[in-house]
N, C-alpha and C. Protein backbone atom coordinates (compact mmCIF):
# COMPACT_ATOMS: atom_id res chain seq x y z
N MET A 1 -26.85 14.87 6.86
CA MET A 1 -26.89 13.68 6.37
C MET A 1 -26.74 13.72 4.95
N SER A 2 -27.53 14.18 4.59
CA SER A 2 -27.47 14.49 2.88
C SER A 2 -26.36 14.93 2.06
N THR A 3 -25.17 15.04 3.06
CA THR A 3 -23.76 15.73 2.55
C THR A 3 -23.29 14.42 2.53
N LEU A 4 -23.36 13.57 2.99
CA LEU A 4 -22.79 12.65 3.71
C LEU A 4 -22.84 11.71 2.16
N LEU A 5 -24.48 11.46 1.64
CA LEU A 5 -24.99 10.87 0.89
C LEU A 5 -24.50 11.54 -0.42
N GLU A 6 -24.80 12.49 -0.40
CA GLU A 6 -24.28 13.20 -1.97
C GLU A 6 -22.51 13.23 -2.54
N HIS A 7 -21.82 13.30 -1.05
CA HIS A 7 -20.52 13.18 -1.06
C HIS A 7 -20.44 11.70 -1.37
N ARG A 8 -20.65 10.53 -0.84
CA ARG A 8 -19.98 9.11 -0.18
C ARG A 8 -18.90 8.79 -1.51
N ARG A 9 -19.36 8.90 -3.01
CA ARG A 9 -18.16 8.65 -3.56
C ARG A 9 -17.05 8.97 -3.11
N LEU A 10 -17.13 10.21 -2.91
CA LEU A 10 -15.13 10.60 -2.34
C LEU A 10 -15.20 10.80 -1.40
N PHE A 11 -15.98 10.43 -0.29
CA PHE A 11 -15.78 9.83 1.15
C PHE A 11 -15.17 8.54 0.88
N ALA A 12 -15.94 7.82 0.51
CA ALA A 12 -15.15 6.28 0.13
C ALA A 12 -13.83 6.07 -0.54
N LEU A 13 -13.60 6.98 -1.63
CA LEU A 13 -12.69 7.10 -2.46
C LEU A 13 -11.31 7.79 -1.85
N VAL A 14 -11.45 8.25 -0.62
CA VAL A 14 -10.70 8.75 0.31
C VAL A 14 -10.14 7.58 1.39
N VAL A 15 -11.78 7.25 2.03
CA VAL A 15 -11.01 5.91 2.88
C VAL A 15 -10.07 5.23 2.38
N VAL A 16 -10.72 4.65 0.59
CA VAL A 16 -9.91 3.68 0.14
C VAL A 16 -8.42 3.55 -0.10
N ALA A 17 -8.11 4.97 -0.04
CA ALA A 17 -6.63 5.17 -0.58
C ALA A 17 -6.21 5.75 0.82
N GLN A 18 -6.66 5.82 1.99
CA GLN A 18 -5.87 5.96 3.22
C GLN A 18 -5.73 4.03 4.12
N LEU A 19 -6.75 3.64 3.44
CA LEU A 19 -6.55 2.36 4.02
C LEU A 19 -5.37 1.64 3.32
N THR A 20 -5.41 1.59 1.81
CA THR A 20 -4.54 1.22 0.82
C THR A 20 -2.48 1.63 1.81
N ASP A 21 -3.10 2.90 2.04
CA ASP A 21 -1.77 3.73 2.48
C ASP A 21 -1.27 2.59 3.79
N LEU A 22 -2.34 2.22 4.65
CA LEU A 22 -2.11 1.61 6.19
C LEU A 22 -1.95 0.32 5.81
N VAL A 23 -2.45 -0.93 4.71
CA VAL A 23 -2.32 -1.74 4.51
C VAL A 23 -1.01 -2.04 3.64
N THR A 24 -0.30 -1.21 2.91
CA THR A 24 0.96 -1.38 2.38
C THR A 24 2.28 -0.59 3.36
N PHE A 25 1.21 -0.20 4.76
CA PHE A 25 2.23 0.02 5.80
C PHE A 25 2.80 -0.90 5.99
N LEU A 26 1.84 -1.73 6.59
CA LEU A 26 1.94 -3.12 7.56
C LEU A 26 2.14 -4.26 6.98
N ALA A 27 2.28 -3.99 5.61
CA ALA A 27 3.05 -5.35 4.92
C ALA A 27 4.66 -5.16 4.71
N ALA A 28 4.05 -3.65 4.43
CA ALA A 28 6.27 -2.89 4.68
C ALA A 28 7.24 -2.70 5.56
N ILE A 29 6.85 -2.59 7.30
CA ILE A 29 7.30 -2.62 8.16
C ILE A 29 6.90 -4.32 8.38
N ALA A 30 6.40 -5.28 8.04
CA ALA A 30 6.91 -6.81 8.45
C ALA A 30 7.99 -7.25 7.05
N ASN A 31 8.09 -6.36 6.28
CA ASN A 31 9.27 -6.64 5.42
C ASN A 31 10.68 -6.38 5.60
N VAL A 32 10.47 -4.82 5.78
CA VAL A 32 12.13 -4.23 6.23
C VAL A 32 12.08 -3.95 7.90
N GLY A 33 10.92 -4.14 8.55
CA GLY A 33 11.29 -3.60 10.06
C GLY A 33 10.50 -2.13 10.14
N ILE A 34 10.28 -1.99 11.40
CA ILE A 34 9.71 -0.38 11.80
C ILE A 34 11.00 0.82 11.48
N HIS A 35 12.07 0.44 11.32
CA HIS A 35 13.29 1.66 11.49
C HIS A 35 13.16 2.05 10.46
N ALA A 36 12.59 1.59 9.28
CA ALA A 36 12.23 2.62 7.77
C ALA A 36 11.27 3.59 8.04
N GLU A 37 10.75 3.17 9.18
CA GLU A 37 9.58 4.13 9.38
C GLU A 37 9.81 5.71 9.50
N GLN A 38 9.67 6.79 8.93
CA GLN A 38 10.09 7.92 9.08
C GLN A 38 9.25 8.79 10.37
N ASN A 39 7.80 8.65 10.30
CA ASN A 39 6.81 9.32 11.55
C ASN A 39 7.33 8.72 12.96
N PRO A 40 8.01 9.60 13.90
CA PRO A 40 8.30 9.11 15.44
C PRO A 40 7.06 8.71 15.72
N VAL A 41 5.65 8.88 15.68
CA VAL A 41 4.83 9.04 16.19
C VAL A 41 4.05 7.26 16.06
N ALA A 42 4.48 6.98 14.52
CA ALA A 42 3.79 5.64 14.19
C ALA A 42 5.25 4.82 14.69
N ARG A 43 6.22 4.96 14.99
CA ARG A 43 7.65 4.52 15.43
C ARG A 43 7.22 3.82 16.99
N GLY A 44 6.87 5.13 17.79
CA GLY A 44 6.73 4.70 19.17
C GLY A 44 5.37 3.78 19.13
N LEU A 45 4.47 4.34 19.01
CA LEU A 45 3.32 3.72 18.51
C LEU A 45 3.35 1.54 18.74
N PHE A 46 4.16 1.87 17.32
CA PHE A 46 4.51 0.18 16.87
C PHE A 46 5.96 -0.75 18.43
N GLY A 47 6.44 0.69 18.98
CA GLY A 47 7.26 -0.23 19.85
C GLY A 47 6.57 -0.18 21.08
N SER A 48 5.45 0.42 21.41
CA SER A 48 4.55 -0.10 22.47
C SER A 48 3.94 -0.82 22.05
N LEU A 49 2.70 -0.89 21.22
CA LEU A 49 1.74 -1.52 20.73
C LEU A 49 1.56 -2.63 19.70
N GLY A 50 3.34 -2.50 19.02
CA GLY A 50 2.88 -3.37 17.46
C GLY A 50 2.16 -2.73 16.99
N SER A 51 2.14 -3.65 16.25
CA SER A 51 1.48 -3.47 14.43
C SER A 51 0.00 -2.62 14.86
N ALA A 52 -0.58 -3.19 16.33
CA ALA A 52 -1.81 -2.37 16.69
C ALA A 52 -1.93 -1.13 17.08
N GLY A 53 -0.91 -0.02 16.83
CA GLY A 53 -0.98 1.13 17.50
C GLY A 53 -0.95 1.81 16.43
N PRO A 54 0.10 1.45 15.59
CA PRO A 54 0.05 2.11 14.41
C PRO A 54 -1.43 2.71 13.35
N ALA A 55 -1.90 0.83 13.18
CA ALA A 55 -3.40 0.98 12.82
C ALA A 55 -4.18 1.58 13.36
N ALA A 56 -4.34 1.47 14.42
CA ALA A 56 -5.46 2.34 15.98
C ALA A 56 -4.96 4.23 15.12
N TYR A 57 -4.11 4.12 14.99
CA TYR A 57 -3.25 5.99 14.57
C TYR A 57 -3.81 5.92 13.15
N LYS A 58 -3.92 4.96 12.77
CA LYS A 58 -4.39 5.34 10.81
C LYS A 58 -5.97 5.73 10.86
N VAL A 59 -6.40 4.77 11.42
CA VAL A 59 -7.55 4.34 11.73
C VAL A 59 -8.28 5.93 12.10
N ALA A 60 -7.95 6.43 13.43
CA ALA A 60 -8.44 7.74 13.49
C ALA A 60 -8.47 8.73 12.90
N ALA A 61 -7.11 8.79 11.93
CA ALA A 61 -6.72 9.43 11.10
C ALA A 61 -7.81 9.62 10.15
N ILE A 62 -7.86 8.84 10.01
CA ILE A 62 -8.91 8.70 8.61
C ILE A 62 -10.28 9.04 9.10
N GLY A 63 -10.95 9.21 9.93
CA GLY A 63 -11.61 9.27 10.91
C GLY A 63 -11.97 11.49 10.26
N LEU A 64 -11.02 11.51 11.30
CA LEU A 64 -10.59 12.84 11.13
C LEU A 64 -10.51 13.54 9.98
N ILE A 65 -9.68 13.15 9.20
CA ILE A 65 -10.06 13.47 7.62
C ILE A 65 -11.35 13.23 7.16
N VAL A 66 -12.28 12.42 7.36
CA VAL A 66 -13.58 12.12 6.53
C VAL A 66 -14.26 12.99 7.31
N LEU A 67 -14.76 13.46 8.64
CA LEU A 67 -14.76 15.00 9.55
C LEU A 67 -14.75 15.96 9.03
N VAL A 68 -13.53 16.34 8.83
CA VAL A 68 -12.99 17.58 8.21
C VAL A 68 -13.63 17.75 6.72
N LEU A 69 -13.56 16.56 5.85
CA LEU A 69 -14.09 16.47 4.36
C LEU A 69 -15.24 17.12 4.50
N TRP A 70 -16.08 16.32 5.17
CA TRP A 70 -17.67 16.59 5.44
C TRP A 70 -17.86 18.38 5.60
N ARG A 71 -17.15 18.45 6.84
CA ARG A 71 -16.87 20.07 7.03
C ARG A 71 -17.05 21.04 5.79
N ILE A 72 -15.97 20.63 5.35
CA ILE A 72 -16.06 21.62 4.23
C ILE A 72 -16.80 21.21 3.34
N ALA A 73 -17.59 19.79 3.15
CA ALA A 73 -18.48 20.00 2.09
C ALA A 73 -19.97 20.51 2.03
N VAL A 74 -19.90 21.19 3.90
CA VAL A 74 -21.20 21.81 4.52
C VAL A 74 -21.25 23.17 3.98
N ARG A 75 -19.92 23.65 4.32
CA ARG A 75 -19.51 24.70 4.09
C ARG A 75 -18.99 25.14 3.27
N PHE A 76 -18.46 24.91 2.68
CA PHE A 76 -17.70 25.40 0.94
C PHE A 76 -17.89 23.99 0.45
N PRO A 77 -18.71 23.71 -0.50
CA PRO A 77 -19.34 22.75 -1.31
C PRO A 77 -18.08 22.62 -2.32
N GLY A 78 -17.81 23.51 -3.14
CA GLY A 78 -16.86 24.26 -4.17
C GLY A 78 -15.70 23.26 -3.98
N TYR A 79 -15.24 23.18 -2.97
CA TYR A 79 -13.84 23.12 -2.42
C TYR A 79 -13.81 21.19 -1.93
N ALA A 80 -15.24 20.56 -1.69
CA ALA A 80 -15.14 19.17 -1.34
C ALA A 80 -14.24 18.41 -2.05
N GLY A 81 -14.16 18.34 -3.62
CA GLY A 81 -13.53 17.83 -4.65
C GLY A 81 -12.18 17.87 -4.80
N ARG A 82 -11.82 19.33 -4.31
CA ARG A 82 -10.08 19.40 -4.69
C ARG A 82 -9.83 18.90 -3.13
N SER A 83 -10.55 18.97 -2.08
CA SER A 83 -9.78 18.47 -0.61
C SER A 83 -9.91 16.72 -0.77
N ALA A 84 -10.67 16.23 -1.15
CA ALA A 84 -11.10 14.79 -1.47
C ALA A 84 -9.66 14.52 -2.05
N ALA A 85 -9.46 15.24 -3.53
CA ALA A 85 -8.31 15.00 -4.03
C ALA A 85 -6.94 14.55 -3.65
N LEU A 86 -6.80 15.82 -2.77
CA LEU A 86 -5.54 15.94 -1.81
C LEU A 86 -5.80 14.94 -0.66
N ALA A 87 -6.34 14.57 0.17
CA ALA A 87 -6.41 13.19 0.96
C ALA A 87 -6.04 12.11 0.02
N VAL A 88 -6.67 12.00 -1.22
CA VAL A 88 -6.41 10.38 -1.84
C VAL A 88 -4.66 10.70 -2.45
N ALA A 89 -4.28 12.01 -2.85
CA ALA A 89 -3.24 12.14 -3.41
C ALA A 89 -2.12 11.34 -2.27
N LEU A 90 -2.37 11.82 -1.26
CA LEU A 90 -1.37 11.64 0.30
C LEU A 90 -1.82 10.24 0.51
N GLY A 91 -2.66 9.55 0.64
CA GLY A 91 -3.15 8.29 1.02
C GLY A 91 -2.13 7.58 -0.12
N ALA A 92 -2.29 8.12 -1.43
CA ALA A 92 -1.50 7.09 -3.11
C ALA A 92 -0.06 7.41 -2.97
N LEU A 93 0.39 8.74 -2.24
CA LEU A 93 1.81 8.86 -1.80
C LEU A 93 2.33 8.14 -0.83
N GLY A 94 1.36 7.65 0.15
CA GLY A 94 2.03 6.96 1.16
C GLY A 94 1.91 5.25 0.54
N ALA A 95 0.96 5.26 0.06
CA ALA A 95 1.16 3.78 -0.44
C ALA A 95 2.53 3.51 -1.36
N TRP A 96 2.32 4.51 -1.96
CA TRP A 96 3.93 4.25 -3.23
C TRP A 96 5.04 4.37 -2.61
N SER A 97 5.15 5.25 -1.44
CA SER A 97 6.48 4.86 -0.81
C SER A 97 6.61 3.73 -0.09
N ASN A 98 5.58 3.24 0.69
CA ASN A 98 6.04 1.85 1.44
C ASN A 98 5.48 0.77 0.53
N VAL A 99 5.51 0.61 -1.15
CA VAL A 99 5.71 -0.16 -1.69
C VAL A 99 7.27 0.28 -2.50
N ALA A 100 7.48 1.19 -2.41
CA ALA A 100 8.90 1.37 -3.60
C ALA A 100 9.86 1.10 -2.41
N PHE A 101 9.52 1.48 -0.94
CA PHE A 101 10.96 1.54 -0.23
C PHE A 101 10.91 0.43 0.77
N GLY A 102 9.73 -0.06 0.79
CA GLY A 102 9.27 -0.62 1.91
C GLY A 102 9.26 -2.77 1.31
N LEU A 103 8.27 -2.52 -0.03
CA LEU A 103 8.25 -4.03 -0.64
C LEU A 103 8.70 -4.54 -1.61
N LEU A 104 9.66 -3.78 -1.88
CA LEU A 104 9.97 -4.03 -3.62
C LEU A 104 11.74 -3.95 -2.89
N ARG A 105 12.10 -3.94 -1.72
CA ARG A 105 13.35 -4.16 -1.08
C ARG A 105 13.86 -5.84 -1.53
């Protein structure tokens, strides 16, 4: 538990970046449609479950990311910051692409 408290800011930043990706994704597909999505899993989930499908998929992915980061922080503390930075960068890249290709069209 102390690892979670010690790295709570890193974990929070990762969650915020990934949730930003999710929110911009949902707005982008509402604007341009699901056909613009490149992820076949997200497209399939959207086709069968609507917006709730990709949203649940992303929330599960965020949980897995946080779990992996927690494990890295416990086993390899020196890599926790770098790993979190990668997860934040990927979330930011996803959000940027959603805005650039879905919301600014």
